[in-house]
Amino acid sequence: MSSPNMSSKSRIPGTPKQWETRATELLVSDVPLSQLNKLDSASKMTEQQFLCLRVLWPGSKQPNEFPKPSETTKARIDEVMANFPPFDAYLDHLRTPEKEYFDRKMGVMLVMQAQRHSGPSSEKATTPSSASALGEAQSTSSPRSVISAAAPFDLTDDERLIHEALLYFLRALIVSLPNMRCEWSFCYEFIKTPFGDNEMTARIGGCLMGIGIPDMFAIVEVKPRVRNRDERPQLLWQESAEMVSWIMQDAEKGRRTSVHPRLLVSQNNHEIWLTIADYDEEEYVRYLRDESSTPTPSAPGSTQSSTSQSPLPFMKMQEYGPWSIGNASHMRDLARILLGWAFEATDEVAKSEAGLR
């Protein structure tokens, strides 16, 4: 079940109307990125700059509402999960944490498990399910947790631990699978995107990268504190800017996403969230480039705002979660989702190599 939308004055608008109200208050309702006096990096984005990205974040959805894979992909996932002893041992340890965590049966999952045990102290969770999974943990996270710096060597100790643990987990899921045409990479990539005389820099801390082609199919972001869009909206501003940077990089290279959407994998302390970006690939990119377009009516269910002049193109960021890293059921379900995503990315790489996309 979706959580309720925020108030119209929220710093994270969920609807075009909420965006319009807040953007009007801050005098940026008709200001494209290229006309801003200044454009900071993704990690230091201001609310005005975020609003100029025209990104909507509807209420978060529960993990079981994440889009289901095709029957073909589901069968491939079932085949892997039915014969994955290291992952079974990893889940067994989560169910019985009193066991010795250096269990060699975990194989490729052992490094990730060791990272989890040396990770940051857990904050008190924001949801009942997470709280019950991890107990009444107290918050002792790093004071530099709201905004990360824009270089890998500037990560806090807590951020580095979370980042390494998450990427080891993602890599372990697919590293031993045959015929995979993608891999999770520690790709500290800096994307610099020009908007008129302005330039925005975003740091991508990890990604699902195609093998043999330079395409990304998912990106990674980590923070040591739990997700809270009311108290720490800056995180969602940063993630929005990172997604925009990725879109613009692909637009400049002439790459289209075909039927495969864009995925952001976020770990915030002990919680993992998945966010899918949805947007009109032509109109939204035209807006980001500050190019004129012919007004067209908004389609039913569109994220565009109906105005007397022209509909405003928006990107919708739909987040799902959280999955708790201390809950075996959560991690099994998350693994199935991410395996499915990797299989679909592999199919996209094969299509690209065959000239079919």
Protein backbone atom coordinates (compact mmCIF):
# COMPACT_ATOMS: atom_id res chain seq x y z
CA MET A 1 0.00 0.00 0.00
CA SER A 2 1.35 3.41 -0.95
CA SER A 3 2.08 5.94 1.75
CA PRO A 4 0.11 9.20 1.53
CA ASN A 5 1.42 12.05 -0.60
CA MET A 6 3.19 14.92 1.09
CA SER A 7 1.64 18.29 1.70
CA SER A 8 1.71 20.82 -1.13
CA LYS A 9 4.53 22.69 0.62
CA SER A 10 6.70 19.60 0.99
CA ARG A 11 10.27 19.91 -0.20
CA ILE A 12 9.71 16.60 -2.02
CA PRO A 13 6.67 17.11 -4.30
CA GLY A 14 4.73 14.02 -5.31
CA THR A 15 2.37 15.54 -7.87
CA PRO A 16 2.58 18.25 -10.56
CA LYS A 17 0.32 20.44 -8.44
CA GLN A 18 2.57 20.14 -5.41
CA TRP A 19 5.57 20.91 -7.58
CA GLU A 20 3.85 23.96 -9.08
CA THR A 21 2.90 25.34 -5.67
CA ARG A 22 6.40 24.99 -4.23
CA ALA A 23 8.19 26.13 -7.41
CA THR A 24 6.01 29.24 -7.54
CA GLU A 25 6.81 30.04 -3.90
CA LEU A 26 10.54 29.83 -4.68
CA LEU A 27 10.20 31.73 -7.98
CA VAL A 28 11.48 28.91 -10.21
CA SER A 29 8.29 27.60 -11.82
CA ASP A 30 9.43 28.71 -15.28
CA VAL A 31 13.22 28.60 -14.83
CA PRO A 32 15.14 25.88 -16.73
CA LEU A 33 18.46 24.60 -15.43
CA SER A 34 20.38 26.59 -18.02
CA GLN A 35 19.01 29.87 -16.68
CA LEU A 36 19.90 29.38 -13.03
CA ASN A 37 22.53 31.76 -11.68
CA LYS A 38 24.36 28.78 -10.22
CA LEU A 39 24.15 25.00 -10.40
CA ASP A 40 25.81 23.03 -7.61
CA SER A 41 26.98 19.42 -7.73
CA ALA A 42 24.41 16.69 -7.12
CA SER A 43 25.56 16.20 -3.52
CA LYS A 44 25.09 19.90 -2.69
CA MET A 45 21.92 20.61 -4.62
CA THR A 46 19.61 23.33 -3.27
CA GLU A 47 15.83 23.06 -3.21
CA GLN A 48 15.48 25.61 -6.02
CA GLN A 49 17.91 23.66 -8.19
CA PHE A 50 16.10 20.40 -7.40
CA LEU A 51 12.76 21.91 -8.43
CA CYS A 52 14.26 22.96 -11.75
CA LEU A 53 14.98 19.27 -12.44
CA ARG A 54 11.19 18.75 -12.48
CA VAL A 55 11.26 15.49 -10.56
CA LEU A 56 8.29 14.04 -8.68
CA TRP A 57 8.53 11.53 -5.83
CA PRO A 58 5.10 9.98 -5.15
CA GLY A 59 4.53 8.17 -1.88
CA SER A 60 6.79 5.15 -1.40
CA LYS A 61 5.44 1.67 -2.13
CA GLN A 62 5.93 -1.55 -0.19
CA PRO A 63 8.54 -4.12 -1.30
CA ASN A 64 5.87 -6.55 -2.50
CA GLU A 65 4.57 -3.89 -4.91
CA PHE A 66 7.75 -3.86 -6.98
CA PRO A 67 6.91 -4.75 -10.62
CA LYS A 68 6.93 -8.49 -11.24
CA PRO A 69 9.27 -10.01 -13.86
CA SER A 70 8.07 -11.81 -16.96
CA GLU A 71 7.36 -15.54 -16.68
CA THR A 72 10.52 -16.26 -18.66
CA THR A 73 12.66 -14.17 -16.30
CA LYS A 74 10.93 -15.68 -13.27
CA ALA A 75 11.86 -19.17 -14.47
CA ARG A 76 15.51 -18.13 -14.79
CA ILE A 77 15.44 -16.67 -11.26
CA ASP A 78 13.88 -19.87 -9.87
CA GLU A 79 16.59 -21.97 -11.50
CA VAL A 80 19.38 -19.92 -9.89
CA MET A 81 17.79 -19.76 -6.45
CA ALA A 82 17.13 -23.50 -6.41
CA ASN A 83 20.86 -24.23 -6.63
CA PHE A 84 22.71 -21.44 -4.81
CA PRO A 85 24.26 -23.05 -1.65
CA PRO A 86 26.35 -19.99 -0.64
CA PHE A 87 23.26 -17.79 -0.66
CA ASP A 88 21.29 -20.41 1.29
CA ALA A 89 24.05 -20.44 3.92
CA TYR A 90 23.99 -16.65 4.03
CA LEU A 91 20.21 -16.62 4.62
CA ASP A 92 20.57 -19.33 7.26
CA HIS A 93 23.03 -17.13 9.13
CA LEU A 94 20.58 -14.23 9.05
CA ARG A 95 17.94 -16.50 10.60
CA THR A 96 20.37 -17.72 13.30
CA PRO A 97 22.78 -14.80 13.95
CA GLU A 98 24.33 -16.54 16.95
CA LYS A 99 26.22 -18.77 14.51
CA GLU A 100 29.85 -18.09 13.69
CA TYR A 101 29.64 -15.61 10.83
CA PHE A 102 32.86 -16.80 9.14
CA ASP A 103 31.06 -19.84 7.74
CA ARG A 104 32.95 -21.07 4.67
CA LYS A 105 29.73 -22.50 3.25
CA MET A 106 28.80 -18.93 2.34
CA GLY A 107 31.46 -18.89 -0.36
CA VAL A 108 31.17 -15.68 -2.41
CA MET A 109 28.71 -14.29 0.16
CA LEU A 110 31.30 -14.49 2.96
CA VAL A 111 32.98 -11.16 2.19
CA MET A 112 29.66 -9.35 2.18
CA GLN A 113 28.67 -10.96 5.48
CA ALA A 114 31.97 -9.93 7.09
CA GLN A 115 31.38 -6.37 5.90
CA ARG A 116 27.90 -6.43 7.43
CA HIS A 117 29.31 -7.39 10.83
CA SER A 118 31.85 -4.55 10.74
CA GLY A 119 29.35 -1.99 9.40
CA PRO A 120 27.99 1.15 11.07
CA SER A 121 25.72 1.12 14.09
CA SER A 122 22.09 0.90 13.06
CA GLU A 123 19.79 3.84 13.53
CA LYS A 124 16.39 3.23 14.96
CA ALA A 125 14.36 2.17 11.95
CA THR A 126 11.65 4.33 10.43
CA THR A 127 9.24 1.45 9.80
CA PRO A 128 7.81 -1.18 12.18
CA SER A 129 9.01 -4.08 9.99
CA SER A 130 12.60 -2.84 10.03
CA ALA A 131 12.51 -2.12 13.74
CA SER A 132 11.35 -5.63 14.56
CA ALA A 133 14.04 -7.11 12.35
CA LEU A 134 16.92 -5.24 13.90
CA GLY A 135 15.72 -4.54 17.42
CA GLU A 136 15.87 -1.31 19.34
CA ALA A 137 19.17 -0.13 17.85
CA GLN A 138 20.29 3.35 18.77
CA SER A 139 21.61 5.93 16.32
CA THR A 140 25.34 6.56 16.41
CA SER A 141 25.86 7.29 12.73
CA SER A 142 28.29 9.75 11.26
CA PRO A 143 27.39 13.45 11.56
CA ARG A 144 28.33 13.88 7.88
CA SER A 145 25.47 11.67 6.75
CA VAL A 146 23.03 14.00 5.02
CA ILE A 147 25.20 14.90 2.04
CA SER A 148 28.20 12.98 0.77
CA ALA A 149 31.17 14.63 -0.86
CA ALA A 150 31.83 14.29 -4.56
CA ALA A 151 34.91 12.09 -4.47
CA PRO A 152 35.44 8.46 -3.39
CA PHE A 153 38.22 9.33 -0.94
CA ASP A 154 35.84 11.73 0.81
CA LEU A 155 33.40 8.99 1.80
CA THR A 156 32.91 8.74 5.56
CA ASP A 157 33.95 5.48 7.20
CA ASP A 158 30.28 4.51 7.59
CA GLU A 159 29.57 5.28 3.93
CA ARG A 160 32.55 3.26 2.76
CA LEU A 161 31.53 0.22 4.80
CA ILE A 162 27.96 0.33 3.51
CA HIS A 163 29.10 0.94 -0.05
CA GLU A 164 31.51 -2.00 -0.04
CA ALA A 165 29.02 -4.36 1.61
CA LEU A 166 26.26 -3.50 -0.86
CA LEU A 167 28.47 -3.87 -3.94
CA TYR A 168 29.91 -7.17 -2.68
CA PHE A 169 26.36 -8.43 -2.22
CA LEU A 170 25.30 -7.33 -5.69
CA ARG A 171 28.41 -8.79 -7.33
CA ALA A 172 28.05 -12.09 -5.47
CA LEU A 173 24.55 -12.60 -6.84
CA ILE A 174 25.68 -12.90 -10.45
CA VAL A 175 29.48 -13.34 -10.49
CA SER A 176 29.32 -17.13 -10.90
CA LEU A 177 26.43 -17.24 -13.38
CA PRO A 178 27.29 -18.30 -16.95
CA ASN A 179 26.39 -16.20 -19.99
CA MET A 180 25.75 -13.01 -18.01
CA ARG A 181 26.45 -9.92 -20.12
CA CYS A 182 26.48 -7.44 -17.24
CA GLU A 183 28.29 -6.98 -13.94
CA TRP A 184 28.04 -4.83 -10.84
CA SER A 185 31.00 -2.50 -10.76
CA PHE A 186 32.70 -0.21 -8.23
CA CYS A 187 32.56 2.44 -10.95
CA TYR A 188 33.35 5.75 -9.25
CA GLU A 189 32.24 7.66 -12.31
CA PHE A 190 31.95 11.42 -12.41
CA ILE A 191 29.34 12.70 -14.84
CA LYS A 192 29.66 16.36 -15.76
CA THR A 193 26.57 17.68 -17.50
CA PRO A 194 26.40 21.15 -19.09
CA PHE A 195 23.18 23.17 -18.83
CA GLY A 196 23.83 26.39 -20.73
CA ASP A 197 26.70 28.14 -18.95
CA ASN A 198 26.13 25.94 -15.90
CA GLU A 199 27.55 22.50 -15.24
CA MET A 200 26.36 19.86 -12.79
CA THR A 201 28.66 17.15 -11.47
CA ALA A 202 27.32 13.88 -10.12
CA ARG A 203 29.31 11.00 -8.67
CA ILE A 204 28.04 7.51 -9.46
CA GLY A 205 29.29 5.20 -6.72
CA GLY A 206 28.48 1.92 -8.42
CA CYS A 207 26.53 0.57 -11.35
CA LEU A 208 25.26 -2.43 -13.26
CA MET A 209 27.37 -2.19 -16.40
CA GLY A 210 27.00 -4.07 -19.66
CA ILE A 211 29.90 -6.33 -20.64
CA GLY A 212 31.18 -5.41 -24.07
CA ILE A 213 29.10 -2.23 -24.32
CA PRO A 214 29.44 0.94 -22.21
CA ASP A 215 25.80 0.99 -21.05
CA MET A 216 24.64 1.30 -17.43
CA PHE A 217 21.43 -0.45 -16.37
CA ALA A 218 21.31 0.59 -12.71
CA ILE A 219 23.19 2.94 -10.39
CA VAL A 220 24.00 2.80 -6.68
CA GLU A 221 23.87 5.38 -3.87
CA VAL A 222 24.60 4.85 -0.16
CA LYS A 223 24.17 6.87 3.01
CA PRO A 224 24.79 5.86 6.65
CA ARG A 225 21.47 7.23 7.95
CA VAL A 226 17.97 5.86 7.41
CA ARG A 227 15.85 7.40 4.70
CA ASN A 228 13.54 10.21 5.82
CA ARG A 229 12.24 12.52 3.10
CA ASP A 230 10.77 14.99 5.60
CA GLU A 231 13.87 15.43 7.77
CA ARG A 232 16.52 14.81 5.09
CA PRO A 233 15.10 15.73 1.67
CA GLN A 234 18.61 16.48 0.42
CA LEU A 235 19.16 12.76 -0.20
CA LEU A 236 16.29 12.59 -2.69
CA TRP A 237 17.45 15.83 -4.32
CA GLN A 238 20.87 14.22 -4.83
CA GLU A 239 19.44 10.98 -6.18
CA SER A 240 17.25 12.98 -8.59
CA ALA A 241 20.30 14.85 -9.88
CA GLU A 242 22.24 11.61 -10.32
CA MET A 243 19.41 10.13 -12.36
CA VAL A 244 19.22 13.28 -14.51
CA SER A 245 22.98 13.14 -15.08
CA TRP A 246 22.73 9.52 -16.19
CA ILE A 247 19.86 10.36 -18.56
CA MET A 248 21.76 13.26 -20.09
CA GLN A 249 24.91 11.20 -20.51
CA ASP A 250 22.94 8.61 -22.47
CA ALA A 251 21.19 11.31 -24.48
CA GLU A 252 24.53 12.75 -25.55
CA LYS A 253 25.70 9.27 -26.59
CA GLY A 254 22.46 8.60 -28.47
CA ARG A 255 21.57 5.65 -26.25
CA ARG A 256 17.89 4.92 -25.63
CA THR A 257 16.61 2.79 -22.77
CA SER A 258 14.31 0.70 -25.00
CA VAL A 259 11.75 -1.08 -22.79
CA HIS A 260 14.21 -1.33 -19.92
CA PRO A 261 13.63 1.41 -17.30
CA ARG A 262 16.24 2.99 -15.05
CA LEU A 263 16.89 1.64 -11.57
CA LEU A 264 18.52 3.25 -8.54
CA VAL A 265 19.65 0.94 -5.72
CA SER A 266 20.01 2.85 -2.46
CA GLN A 267 21.23 1.60 0.90
CA ASN A 268 20.50 3.87 3.86
CA ASN A 269 22.05 2.36 6.97
CA HIS A 270 20.41 -1.11 7.32
CA GLU A 271 17.67 -0.46 4.74
CA ILE A 272 17.78 -0.99 0.98
CA TRP A 273 15.43 0.88 -1.35
CA LEU A 274 14.81 0.47 -5.08
CA THR A 275 13.67 3.43 -7.20
CA ILE A 276 12.44 3.28 -10.79
CA ALA A 277 12.59 6.43 -12.93
CA ASP A 278 9.74 7.00 -15.39
CA TYR A 279 9.67 9.86 -17.89
CA ASP A 280 8.95 10.77 -21.50
CA GLU A 281 12.30 10.13 -23.16
CA GLU A 282 11.83 12.83 -25.79
CA GLU A 283 9.96 15.62 -24.00
CA TYR A 284 11.81 15.40 -20.69
CA VAL A 285 15.23 15.45 -22.37
CA ARG A 286 14.10 18.39 -24.53
CA TYR A 287 13.21 20.24 -21.35
CA LEU A 288 16.58 19.45 -19.74
CA ARG A 289 18.30 20.76 -22.85
CA ASP A 290 16.09 23.89 -22.76
CA GLU A 291 14.78 23.21 -26.26
CA SER A 292 11.37 24.43 -27.40
CA SER A 293 8.68 21.86 -28.12
CA THR A 294 5.21 21.82 -29.60
CA PRO A 295 2.46 21.75 -26.92
CA THR A 296 0.61 18.45 -26.75
CA PRO A 297 -2.19 17.24 -24.45
CA SER A 298 -1.25 15.24 -21.39
CA ALA A 299 -1.99 11.54 -21.74
CA PRO A 300 -4.23 9.85 -19.14
CA GLY A 301 -2.14 8.95 -16.12
CA SER A 302 0.74 11.10 -17.32
CA THR A 303 3.07 12.80 -14.84
CA GLN A 304 2.68 15.98 -16.88
CA SER A 305 0.88 19.02 -15.54
CA SER A 306 -2.10 20.27 -17.55
CA THR A 307 -1.75 23.98 -18.22
CA SER A 308 -3.37 26.33 -20.70
CA GLN A 309 -0.07 26.70 -22.58
CA SER A 310 1.87 23.45 -22.61
CA PRO A 311 2.10 20.37 -20.38
CA LEU A 312 5.21 20.31 -18.22
CA PRO A 313 7.39 17.23 -18.63
CA PHE A 314 8.34 15.59 -15.34
CA MET A 315 10.34 12.57 -14.28
CA LYS A 316 8.64 10.36 -11.69
CA MET A 317 10.86 8.56 -9.19
CA GLN A 318 8.88 5.70 -7.65
CA GLU A 319 10.63 4.19 -4.64
CA TYR A 320 9.97 0.75 -3.16
CA GLY A 321 11.07 -0.54 0.22
CA PRO A 322 12.61 -0.88 2.61
CA TRP A 323 14.30 -4.26 2.59
CA SER A 324 16.20 -4.84 5.84
CA ILE A 325 19.69 -6.36 5.51
CA GLY A 326 19.14 -8.25 8.78
CA ASN A 327 15.98 -10.01 7.60
CA ALA A 328 16.45 -13.27 5.66
CA SER A 329 13.06 -13.05 3.96
CA HIS A 330 13.74 -9.48 2.84
CA MET A 331 17.14 -10.35 1.41
CA ARG A 332 15.83 -13.41 -0.41
CA ASP A 333 13.10 -11.33 -2.06
CA LEU A 334 15.54 -8.53 -2.89
CA ALA A 335 17.97 -11.01 -4.44
CA ARG A 336 15.22 -12.35 -6.69
CA ILE A 337 14.38 -8.84 -7.89
CA LEU A 338 17.99 -7.93 -8.59
CA LEU A 339 18.68 -11.24 -10.33
CA GLY A 340 15.70 -10.54 -12.58
CA TRP A 341 17.01 -7.07 -13.34
CA ALA A 342 20.42 -8.47 -14.27
CA PHE A 343 18.85 -11.08 -16.56
CA GLU A 344 16.84 -8.37 -18.32
CA ALA A 345 19.97 -6.22 -18.64
CA THR A 346 21.77 -9.21 -20.17
CA ASP A 347 18.96 -9.51 -22.72
CA GLU A 348 19.31 -5.79 -23.52
CA VAL A 349 23.05 -6.21 -24.12
CA ALA A 350 22.36 -9.13 -26.47
CA LYS A 351 19.84 -7.00 -28.40
CA SER A 352 22.32 -4.15 -28.64
CA GLU A 353 25.03 -6.42 -30.01
CA ALA A 354 22.58 -7.82 -32.54
CA GLY A 355 21.57 -4.30 -33.60
CA LEU A 356 18.01 -4.77 -32.38
CA ARG A 357 17.78 -1.68 -30.15
